[in-house]
Amino acid sequence: MEEPCLSTQLIDGDGVFNVSGLESFLKEVKLAECGLSYAVVSIMGPQSSGKSTLLNHLFRTNFREMDAFRGRSQTTKGIWMAQAKNIEPCTLVMDLEGTDGRERGEDDTAFEKQSALFALAVSDIVLINMWCHDIGREQAANKPLLKTVFQVMMRLFSPRKTTMLFVIRDKSKIWDGVPKPHAHKETPLSDFFNVQVVALNSYEEKEELFKEQVMVATVRCEEIGNEKLASFTADEEWQQFEEAVQSDYVPGFGKHISSLLDRCLSE
C-alpha cells in the first residue's frame, strides 16, 4: 500500500504561522537528515487557475482541488506545504492562496503581498501560474503584486538566485479550436511547432536594451542556422544522396530529402 502524502497548513487564512504543525511536519519528513540537500518549490497565481491540481500532478501531493461543478471559489486558504513523493533530493512544495479572489476583496492585498514575498524568499523555484488569455493584463497577470514584492525583496534580502517559472495555462485551446483534416484530428500542437517563450524589455522605455536583446537573438538565430546546415551536410545519408545524384537519376529524391531535412531540423 502506497504511503500517504505528508502535508500541513503552514499559514492559515488569517496569516497565523502554524509553528507546532511545521515542527511536526519537518520531523515526519525527516528534513534534519537531509542537511542542505533539499529543495523548496512554490506556486502562486490567480484564484481557481488550477494551481493545486498542477502541483498534485507534478509532485503527487494531496492539496485540495477545486470542484468545478460547484463553480469557481476559494479552495486554498493561506499557505499549505507538502512533501513531493518519489523525488530526490527531498522536495517541499508550497501551495499559496490564490490572488485576486473575491473573498478578500479588491482592497485587501496585504496577505497576497506577504505570502508572495515569503514564497520568493524561501523557495528555490517559484511557479507563476496564469491563464493564456491573461498575458499582458495588469491585475490578472500579477504584475502589481510582483513589482511590489521585488521592491521589498531588494530592501530586505541579499541577492540570491530564485528560479521563476511562468506557467501558461490552456494554450492548447487555440489549437483545439482549429479545424483539422481527419488525419490530424488528435495530433498535438507539439508535432508541428516547438513553442518557446522569450522575454524582451519594453521598446518604449528601454529602447537600447531592447535593440541589444534583439541583436543577440538575431546572432543566435544565425548560429543555430549554421549549426543545422553543418549537421545536414555532415549527415552520412545526405552525402550518399549527393554522390548518387552526380552520376544518375535518384527515384524519390525529393521525398527522401524532405524526410532527412525534417529529421535534422527536429534534432
C-alpha atoms as a PDB file:
ATOM      1  CA  MET A   1       0.000   0.000   0.000  1.00  0.00           C
ATOM      2  CA  GLU A   2       1.348   3.423  -1.008  1.00  0.00           C
ATOM      3  CA  GLU A   3       2.267   5.723   1.849  1.00  0.00           C
ATOM      4  CA  PRO A   4       0.078   8.851   2.172  1.00  0.00           C
ATOM      5  CA  CYS A   5       1.494  12.233   1.228  1.00  0.00           C
ATOM      6  CA  LEU A   6       2.669  14.296   4.212  1.00  0.00           C
ATOM      7  CA  SER A   7       1.221  17.808   4.358  1.00  0.00           C
ATOM      8  CA  THR A   8       0.300  20.616   6.737  1.00  0.00           C
ATOM      9  CA  GLN A   9      -1.194  24.103   6.701  1.00  0.00           C
ATOM     10  CA  LEU A  10       1.831  26.337   7.180  1.00  0.00           C
ATOM     11  CA  ILE A  11      -0.023  29.677   7.456  1.00  0.00           C
ATOM     12  CA  ASP A  12      -3.780  29.953   7.898  1.00  0.00           C
ATOM     13  CA  GLY A  13      -6.123  32.367   6.153  1.00  0.00           C
ATOM     14  CA  ASP A  14      -5.652  34.969   8.903  1.00  0.00           C
ATOM     15  CA  GLY A  15      -1.871  34.959   8.484  1.00  0.00           C
ATOM     16  CA  VAL A  16      -1.120  32.936  11.642  1.00  0.00           C
ATOM     17  CA  PHE A  17       2.018  30.796  11.350  1.00  0.00           C
ATOM     18  CA  ASN A  18       1.468  27.178  12.387  1.00  0.00           C
ATOM     19  CA  VAL A  19       4.659  26.637  14.413  1.00  0.00           C
ATOM     20  CA  SER A  20       3.685  23.318  16.015  1.00  0.00           C
ATOM     21  CA  GLY A  21       2.328  21.961  12.753  1.00  0.00           C
ATOM     22  CA  LEU A  22       5.542  22.842  10.934  1.00  0.00           C
ATOM     23  CA  GLU A  23       7.712  21.238  13.605  1.00  0.00           C
ATOM     24  CA  SER A  24       5.670  18.044  13.444  1.00  0.00           C
ATOM     25  CA  PHE A  25       5.755  18.063   9.630  1.00  0.00           C
ATOM     26  CA  LEU A  26       9.544  18.514   9.471  1.00  0.00           C
ATOM     27  CA  LYS A  27      10.031  15.615  11.875  1.00  0.00           C
ATOM     28  CA  GLU A  28       7.790  13.386   9.770  1.00  0.00           C
ATOM     29  CA  VAL A  29       9.656  14.153   6.552  1.00  0.00           C
ATOM     30  CA  LYS A  30      12.995  13.801   8.429  1.00  0.00           C
ATOM     31  CA  LEU A  31      14.299  17.062   6.990  1.00  0.00           C
ATOM     32  CA  ALA A  32      17.117  17.241   9.573  1.00  0.00           C
ATOM     33  CA  GLU A  33      18.642  14.135   7.984  1.00  0.00           C
ATOM     34  CA  CYS A  34      18.781  15.865   4.602  1.00  0.00           C
ATOM     35  CA  GLY A  35      21.193  18.591   5.711  1.00  0.00           C
ATOM     36  CA  LEU A  36      21.320  21.150   2.899  1.00  0.00           C
ATOM     37  CA  SER A  37      20.215  18.599   0.309  1.00  0.00           C
ATOM     38  CA  TYR A  38      16.591  19.642  -0.146  1.00  0.00           C
ATOM     39  CA  ALA A  39      14.591  21.976  -2.372  1.00  0.00           C
ATOM     40  CA  VAL A  40      11.533  24.182  -1.939  1.00  0.00           C
ATOM     41  CA  VAL A  41       9.062  24.739  -4.777  1.00  0.00           C
ATOM     42  CA  SER A  42       6.063  27.056  -4.511  1.00  0.00           C
ATOM     43  CA  ILE A  43       3.267  28.215  -6.771  1.00  0.00           C
ATOM     44  CA  MET A  44       1.349  31.483  -6.945  1.00  0.00           C
ATOM     45  CA  GLY A  45      -1.274  32.864  -9.285  1.00  0.00           C
ATOM     46  CA  PRO A  46      -4.951  33.808  -9.635  1.00  0.00           C
ATOM     47  CA  GLN A  47      -7.644  32.032  -7.680  1.00  0.00           C
ATOM     48  CA  SER A  48      -9.177  28.981  -9.401  1.00  0.00           C
ATOM     49  CA  SER A  49      -6.439  28.817 -12.028  1.00  0.00           C
ATOM     50  CA  GLY A  50      -5.561  25.183 -11.295  1.00  0.00           C
ATOM     51  CA  LYS A  51      -2.511  25.664  -9.071  1.00  0.00           C
ATOM     52  CA  SER A  52      -3.275  22.820  -6.657  1.00  0.00           C
ATOM     53  CA  THR A  53      -4.194  20.466  -9.487  1.00  0.00           C
ATOM     54  CA  LEU A  54      -0.908  21.203 -11.257  1.00  0.00           C
ATOM     55  CA  LEU A  55       1.128  20.552  -8.098  1.00  0.00           C
ATOM     56  CA  ASN A  56      -0.715  17.303  -7.403  1.00  0.00           C
ATOM     57  CA  HIS A  57       0.098  16.024 -10.874  1.00  0.00           C
ATOM     58  CA  LEU A  58       3.709  17.224 -10.838  1.00  0.00           C
ATOM     59  CA  PHE A  59       4.687  16.152  -7.336  1.00  0.00           C
ATOM     60  CA  ARG A  60       1.988  13.619  -6.358  1.00  0.00           C
ATOM     61  CA  THR A  61       0.903  15.801  -3.457  1.00  0.00           C
ATOM     62  CA  ASN A  62      -2.591  15.841  -1.944  1.00  0.00           C
ATOM     63  CA  PHE A  63      -3.564  19.522  -1.969  1.00  0.00           C
ATOM     64  CA  ARG A  64      -7.303  20.119  -2.028  1.00  0.00           C
ATOM     65  CA  GLU A  65      -8.563  20.845  -5.532  1.00  0.00           C
ATOM     66  CA  MET A  66     -11.464  22.977  -6.694  1.00  0.00           C
ATOM     67  CA  ASP A  67     -14.725  21.216  -7.539  1.00  0.00           C
ATOM     68  CA  ALA A  68     -15.566  22.692 -10.944  1.00  0.00           C
ATOM     69  CA  PHE A  69     -19.183  21.512 -10.692  1.00  0.00           C
ATOM     70  CA  ARG A  70     -19.696  23.811  -7.697  1.00  0.00           C
ATOM     71  CA  GLY A  71     -18.347  26.831  -9.523  1.00  0.00           C
ATOM     72  CA  ARG A  72     -15.161  28.841  -9.046  1.00  0.00           C
ATOM     73  CA  SER A  73     -14.451  29.717  -5.433  1.00  0.00           C
ATOM     74  CA  GLN A  74     -11.618  29.839  -2.919  1.00  0.00           C
ATOM     75  CA  THR A  75     -10.176  26.371  -2.314  1.00  0.00           C
ATOM     76  CA  THR A  76      -6.751  27.028  -0.780  1.00  0.00           C
ATOM     77  CA  LYS A  77      -6.702  29.306   2.270  1.00  0.00           C
ATOM     78  CA  GLY A  78      -3.359  30.598   3.491  1.00  0.00           C
ATOM     79  CA  ILE A  79      -0.285  28.524   2.584  1.00  0.00           C
ATOM     80  CA  TRP A  80      -0.103  24.734   2.590  1.00  0.00           C
ATOM     81  CA  MET A  81       3.059  22.634   2.464  1.00  0.00           C
ATOM     82  CA  ALA A  82       3.562  19.013   1.392  1.00  0.00           C
ATOM     83  CA  GLN A  83       6.425  16.680   0.605  1.00  0.00           C
ATOM     84  CA  ALA A  84       6.801  15.642  -3.026  1.00  0.00           C
ATOM     85  CA  LYS A  85       6.673  11.875  -3.448  1.00  0.00           C
ATOM     86  CA  ASN A  86       9.467   9.821  -5.031  1.00  0.00           C
ATOM     87  CA  ILE A  87      11.639  12.844  -5.820  1.00  0.00           C
ATOM     88  CA  GLU A  88      15.265  13.232  -4.766  1.00  0.00           C
ATOM     89  CA  PRO A  89      16.574  15.318  -3.145  1.00  0.00           C
ATOM     90  CA  CYS A  90      13.769  15.885  -0.633  1.00  0.00           C
ATOM     91  CA  THR A  91      11.420  18.463  -2.164  1.00  0.00           C
ATOM     92  CA  LEU A  92       8.950  20.546  -0.159  1.00  0.00           C
ATOM     93  CA  VAL A  93       6.056  22.015  -2.118  1.00  0.00           C
ATOM     94  CA  MET A  94       4.093  25.113  -1.075  1.00  0.00           C
ATOM     95  CA  ASP A  95       0.606  25.871  -2.375  1.00  0.00           C
ATOM     96  CA  LEU A  96      -0.277  29.558  -1.931  1.00  0.00           C
ATOM     97  CA  GLU A  97      -3.759  31.011  -1.636  1.00  0.00           C
ATOM     98  CA  GLY A  98      -4.898  32.350  -4.995  1.00  0.00           C
ATOM     99  CA  THR A  99      -4.673  36.054  -5.725  1.00  0.00           C
ATOM    100  CA  ASP A 100      -7.462  38.295  -6.987  1.00  0.00           C
ATOM    101  CA  GLY A 101     -10.159  36.372  -5.077  1.00  0.00           C
ATOM    102  CA  ARG A 102     -13.483  37.935  -4.237  1.00  0.00           C
ATOM    103  CA  GLU A 103     -13.328  36.553  -0.662  1.00  0.00           C
ATOM    104  CA  ARG A 104     -10.652  39.072   0.342  1.00  0.00           C
ATOM    105  CA  GLY A 105     -11.923  41.876  -1.843  1.00  0.00           C
ATOM    106  CA  GLU A 106     -10.068  44.279  -4.098  1.00  0.00           C
ATOM    107  CA  ASP A 107      -8.607  46.396  -1.305  1.00  0.00           C
ATOM    108  CA  ASP A 108      -7.232  43.617   0.918  1.00  0.00           C
ATOM    109  CA  THR A 109      -3.971  42.762  -0.868  1.00  0.00           C
ATOM    110  CA  ALA A 110      -1.714  42.681   2.221  1.00  0.00           C
ATOM    111  CA  PHE A 111      -1.884  38.891   2.575  1.00  0.00           C
ATOM    112  CA  GLU A 112      -1.201  38.406  -1.150  1.00  0.00           C
ATOM    113  CA  LYS A 113       1.947  40.513  -0.922  1.00  0.00           C
ATOM    114  CA  GLN A 114       3.156  38.899   2.298  1.00  0.00           C
ATOM    115  CA  SER A 115       2.626  35.338   1.083  1.00  0.00           C
ATOM    116  CA  ALA A 116       4.277  36.077  -2.291  1.00  0.00           C
ATOM    117  CA  LEU A 117       7.267  37.652  -0.550  1.00  0.00           C
ATOM    118  CA  PHE A 118       7.528  34.667   1.784  1.00  0.00           C
ATOM    119  CA  ALA A 119       7.444  32.222  -1.134  1.00  0.00           C
ATOM    120  CA  LEU A 120      10.094  34.105  -3.122  1.00  0.00           C
ATOM    121  CA  ALA A 121      12.305  34.404  -0.033  1.00  0.00           C
ATOM    122  CA  VAL A 122      12.357  30.696   0.879  1.00  0.00           C
ATOM    123  CA  SER A 123      11.832  28.915  -2.448  1.00  0.00           C
ATOM    124  CA  ASP A 124      14.359  27.641  -4.942  1.00  0.00           C
ATOM    125  CA  ILE A 125      11.718  27.616  -7.683  1.00  0.00           C
ATOM    126  CA  VAL A 126       8.538  29.693  -7.851  1.00  0.00           C
ATOM    127  CA  LEU A 127       5.895  28.765 -10.408  1.00  0.00           C
ATOM    128  CA  ILE A 128       3.872  31.760 -11.621  1.00  0.00           C
ATOM    129  CA  ASN A 129       0.623  30.215 -12.821  1.00  0.00           C
ATOM    130  CA  MET A 130      -1.509  32.224 -15.264  1.00  0.00           C
ATOM    131  CA  TRP A 131      -4.144  31.741 -17.927  1.00  0.00           C
ATOM    132  CA  CYS A 132      -3.110  32.166 -21.545  1.00  0.00           C
ATOM    133  CA  HIS A 133      -5.742  34.895 -22.049  1.00  0.00           C
ATOM    134  CA  ASP A 134      -4.402  36.869 -19.053  1.00  0.00           C
ATOM    135  CA  ILE A 135      -0.968  37.541 -20.551  1.00  0.00           C
ATOM    136  CA  GLY A 136      -0.469  41.302 -20.767  1.00  0.00           C
ATOM    137  CA  ARG A 137      -3.241  42.148 -18.323  1.00  0.00           C
ATOM    138  CA  GLU A 138      -2.280  44.207 -15.304  1.00  0.00           C
ATOM    139  CA  GLN A 139      -4.023  42.535 -12.343  1.00  0.00           C
ATOM    140  CA  ALA A 140      -4.695  39.050 -13.716  1.00  0.00           C
ATOM    141  CA  ALA A 141      -1.035  38.579 -14.643  1.00  0.00           C
ATOM    142  CA  ASN A 142       0.029  39.614 -11.109  1.00  0.00           C
ATOM    143  CA  LYS A 143       2.174  42.494 -12.388  1.00  0.00           C
ATOM    144  CA  PRO A 144       1.480  44.947  -9.498  1.00  0.00           C
ATOM    145  CA  LEU A 145       1.949  42.169  -6.940  1.00  0.00           C
ATOM    146  CA  LEU A 146       5.286  41.034  -8.375  1.00  0.00           C
ATOM    147  CA  LYS A 147       6.514  44.617  -8.710  1.00  0.00           C
ATOM    148  CA  THR A 148       5.801  45.332  -5.029  1.00  0.00           C
ATOM    149  CA  VAL A 149       7.359  42.061  -3.880  1.00  0.00           C
ATOM    150  CA  PHE A 150      10.508  42.650  -5.960  1.00  0.00           C
ATOM    151  CA  GLN A 151      10.962  46.088  -4.401  1.00  0.00           C
ATOM    152  CA  VAL A 152      10.604  44.734  -0.860  1.00  0.00           C
ATOM    153  CA  MET A 153      12.948  41.809  -1.567  1.00  0.00           C
ATOM    154  CA  MET A 154      15.713  44.151  -2.698  1.00  0.00           C
ATOM    155  CA  ARG A 155      15.383  46.146   0.517  1.00  0.00           C
ATOM    156  CA  LEU A 156      15.275  43.167   2.879  1.00  0.00           C
ATOM    157  CA  PHE A 157      17.451  40.452   1.356  1.00  0.00           C
ATOM    158  CA  SER A 158      20.837  39.947  -0.218  1.00  0.00           C
ATOM    159  CA  PRO A 159      20.795  38.745  -3.846  1.00  0.00           C
ATOM    160  CA  ARG A 160      20.107  35.010  -4.233  1.00  0.00           C
ATOM    161  CA  LYS A 161      19.115  33.190  -7.360  1.00  0.00           C
ATOM    162  CA  THR A 162      15.499  32.071  -7.297  1.00  0.00           C
ATOM    163  CA  THR A 163      14.140  30.458 -10.458  1.00  0.00           C
ATOM    164  CA  MET A 164      10.824  31.937 -11.590  1.00  0.00           C
ATOM    165  CA  LEU A 165       8.983  29.647 -13.985  1.00  0.00           C
ATOM    166  CA  PHE A 166       5.958  31.175 -15.701  1.00  0.00           C
ATOM    167  CA  VAL A 167       3.358  28.510 -16.440  1.00  0.00           C
ATOM    168  CA  ILE A 168       0.951  29.498 -19.226  1.00  0.00           C
ATOM    169  CA  ARG A 169      -2.299  27.523 -18.914  1.00  0.00           C
ATOM    170  CA  ASP A 170      -4.734  26.468 -21.636  1.00  0.00           C
ATOM    171  CA  LYS A 171      -2.529  27.490 -24.557  1.00  0.00           C
ATOM    172  CA  SER A 172      -3.894  24.435 -26.375  1.00  0.00           C
ATOM    173  CA  LYS A 173      -7.407  25.922 -26.597  1.00  0.00           C
ATOM    174  CA  ILE A 174      -6.388  27.879 -29.712  1.00  0.00           C
ATOM    175  CA  TRP A 175      -5.027  24.708 -31.297  1.00  0.00           C
ATOM    176  CA  ASP A 176      -8.065  22.667 -30.261  1.00  0.00           C
ATOM    177  CA  GLY A 177     -10.348  25.191 -31.955  1.00  0.00           C
ATOM    178  CA  VAL A 178      -8.551  24.969 -35.316  1.00  0.00           C
ATOM    179  CA  PRO A 179     -10.398  22.861 -37.954  1.00  0.00           C
ATOM    180  CA  LYS A 180      -8.119  19.927 -38.842  1.00  0.00           C
ATOM    181  CA  PRO A 181      -8.084  17.287 -41.561  1.00  0.00           C
ATOM    182  CA  HIS A 182      -9.187  13.844 -40.408  1.00  0.00           C
ATOM    183  CA  ALA A 183      -5.597  12.542 -40.344  1.00  0.00           C
ATOM    184  CA  HIS A 184      -4.646  15.132 -37.706  1.00  0.00           C
ATOM    185  CA  LYS A 185      -7.765  15.231 -35.522  1.00  0.00           C
ATOM    186  CA  GLU A 186      -5.774  14.030 -32.496  1.00  0.00           C
ATOM    187  CA  THR A 187      -2.352  15.403 -33.441  1.00  0.00           C
ATOM    188  CA  PRO A 188      -0.889  17.611 -30.665  1.00  0.00           C
ATOM    189  CA  LEU A 189       0.480  21.086 -31.255  1.00  0.00           C
ATOM    190  CA  SER A 190       3.994  19.876 -30.386  1.00  0.00           C
ATOM    191  CA  ASP A 191       4.081  17.664 -33.500  1.00  0.00           C
ATOM    192  CA  PHE A 192       4.002  20.784 -35.661  1.00  0.00           C
ATOM    193  CA  PHE A 193       5.604  23.503 -33.542  1.00  0.00           C
ATOM    194  CA  ASN A 194       8.320  23.968 -30.933  1.00  0.00           C
ATOM    195  CA  VAL A 195       6.707  26.538 -28.611  1.00  0.00           C
ATOM    196  CA  GLN A 196       9.213  28.757 -26.817  1.00  0.00           C
ATOM    197  CA  VAL A 197       8.858  31.964 -24.784  1.00  0.00           C
ATOM    198  CA  VAL A 198      11.370  34.823 -24.936  1.00  0.00           C
ATOM    199  CA  ALA A 199      11.306  37.872 -22.631  1.00  0.00           C
ATOM    200  CA  LEU A 200      12.167  41.283 -24.115  1.00  0.00           C
ATOM    201  CA  ASN A 201      12.380  44.687 -22.460  1.00  0.00           C
ATOM    202  CA  SER A 202       9.915  47.431 -23.348  1.00  0.00           C
ATOM    203  CA  TYR A 203      10.848  49.190 -26.597  1.00  0.00           C
ATOM    204  CA  GLU A 204       9.308  52.476 -25.390  1.00  0.00           C
ATOM    205  CA  GLU A 205      11.035  52.527 -22.004  1.00  0.00           C
ATOM    206  CA  LYS A 206      14.362  50.786 -22.734  1.00  0.00           C
ATOM    207  CA  GLU A 207      14.939  51.120 -26.453  1.00  0.00           C
ATOM    208  CA  GLU A 208      18.706  50.482 -26.419  1.00  0.00           C
ATOM    209  CA  LEU A 209      18.399  47.379 -24.245  1.00  0.00           C
ATOM    210  CA  PHE A 210      15.577  46.143 -26.475  1.00  0.00           C
ATOM    211  CA  LYS A 211      17.753  46.550 -29.583  1.00  0.00           C
ATOM    212  CA  GLU A 212      20.655  44.813 -27.861  1.00  0.00           C
ATOM    213  CA  GLN A 213      18.479  41.832 -26.920  1.00  0.00           C
ATOM    214  CA  VAL A 214      17.076  41.593 -30.449  1.00  0.00           C
ATOM    215  CA  MET A 215      20.603  41.759 -31.886  1.00  0.00           C
ATOM    216  CA  VAL A 216      21.739  38.927 -29.597  1.00  0.00           C
ATOM    217  CA  ALA A 217      18.686  36.891 -30.607  1.00  0.00           C
ATOM    218  CA  THR A 218      19.439  37.522 -34.300  1.00  0.00           C
ATOM    219  CA  VAL A 219      23.043  36.395 -33.886  1.00  0.00           C
ATOM    220  CA  ARG A 220      21.889  33.291 -32.065  1.00  0.00           C
ATOM    221  CA  CYS A 221      19.392  32.520 -34.854  1.00  0.00           C
ATOM    222  CA  GLU A 222      22.232  32.703 -37.377  1.00  0.00           C
ATOM    223  CA  GLU A 223      24.343  30.421 -35.201  1.00  0.00           C
ATOM    224  CA  ILE A 224      21.517  27.891 -34.952  1.00  0.00           C
ATOM    225  CA  GLY A 225      21.011  28.056 -38.720  1.00  0.00           C
ATOM    226  CA  ASN A 226      24.687  27.428 -39.346  1.00  0.00           C
ATOM    227  CA  GLU A 227      24.722  24.553 -36.868  1.00  0.00           C
ATOM    228  CA  LYS A 228      21.720  22.923 -38.581  1.00  0.00           C
ATOM    229  CA  LEU A 229      23.313  23.366 -42.017  1.00  0.00           C
ATOM    230  CA  ALA A 230      26.596  21.856 -40.828  1.00  0.00           C
ATOM    231  CA  SER A 231      24.729  18.937 -39.283  1.00  0.00           C
ATOM    232  CA  PHE A 232      22.791  18.370 -42.506  1.00  0.00           C
ATOM    233  CA  THR A 233      25.813  18.463 -44.832  1.00  0.00           C
ATOM    234  CA  ALA A 234      27.772  16.150 -42.500  1.00  0.00           C
ATOM    235  CA  ASP A 235      24.943  13.601 -42.410  1.00  0.00           C
ATOM    236  CA  GLU A 236      26.051  10.293 -43.955  1.00  0.00           C
ATOM    237  CA  GLU A 237      22.710   9.704 -45.686  1.00  0.00           C
ATOM    238  CA  TRP A 238      22.838  13.161 -47.332  1.00  0.00           C
ATOM    239  CA  GLN A 239      26.398  12.585 -48.501  1.00  0.00           C
ATOM    240  CA  GLN A 240      25.327   9.320 -50.157  1.00  0.00           C
ATOM    241  CA  PHE A 241      22.451  11.097 -51.916  1.00  0.00           C
ATOM    242  CA  GLU A 242      24.712  13.946 -53.005  1.00  0.00           C
ATOM    243  CA  GLU A 243      27.187  11.491 -54.516  1.00  0.00           C
ATOM    244  CA  ALA A 244      24.457   9.472 -56.228  1.00  0.00           C
ATOM    245  CA  VAL A 245      22.799  12.445 -57.981  1.00  0.00           C
ATOM    246  CA  GLN A 246      26.101  13.452 -59.537  1.00  0.00           C
ATOM    247  CA  SER A 247      26.047  10.368 -61.774  1.00  0.00           C
ATOM    248  CA  ASP A 248      22.440   9.219 -62.142  1.00  0.00           C
ATOM    249  CA  TYR A 249      18.742   9.879 -61.545  1.00  0.00           C
ATOM    250  CA  VAL A 250      17.631   9.024 -57.987  1.00  0.00           C
ATOM    251  CA  PRO A 251      13.958   7.921 -57.692  1.00  0.00           C
ATOM    252  CA  GLY A 252      12.065   9.556 -54.828  1.00  0.00           C
ATOM    253  CA  PHE A 253      14.871  12.063 -54.250  1.00  0.00           C
ATOM    254  CA  GLY A 254      12.560  14.865 -53.109  1.00  0.00           C
ATOM    255  CA  LYS A 255      10.697  12.651 -50.638  1.00  0.00           C
ATOM    256  CA  HIS A 256      13.924  11.292 -49.144  1.00  0.00           C
ATOM    257  CA  ILE A 257      15.475  14.756 -48.802  1.00  0.00           C
ATOM    258  CA  SER A 258      12.288  16.156 -47.212  1.00  0.00           C
ATOM    259  CA  SER A 259      12.379  13.364 -44.630  1.00  0.00           C
ATOM    260  CA  LEU A 260      16.079  13.963 -43.999  1.00  0.00           C
ATOM    261  CA  LEU A 261      15.517  17.723 -43.545  1.00  0.00           C
ATOM    262  CA  ASP A 262      12.673  17.107 -41.080  1.00  0.00           C
ATOM    263  CA  ARG A 263      14.922  14.824 -39.042  1.00  0.00           C
ATOM    264  CA  CYS A 264      17.861  17.260 -38.980  1.00  0.00           C
ATOM    265  CA  LEU A 265      15.705  20.279 -38.106  1.00  0.00           C
ATOM    266  CA  SER A 266      13.954  18.462 -35.263  1.00  0.00           C
ATOM    267  CA  GLU A 267      17.206  17.409 -33.537  1.00  0.00           C
END
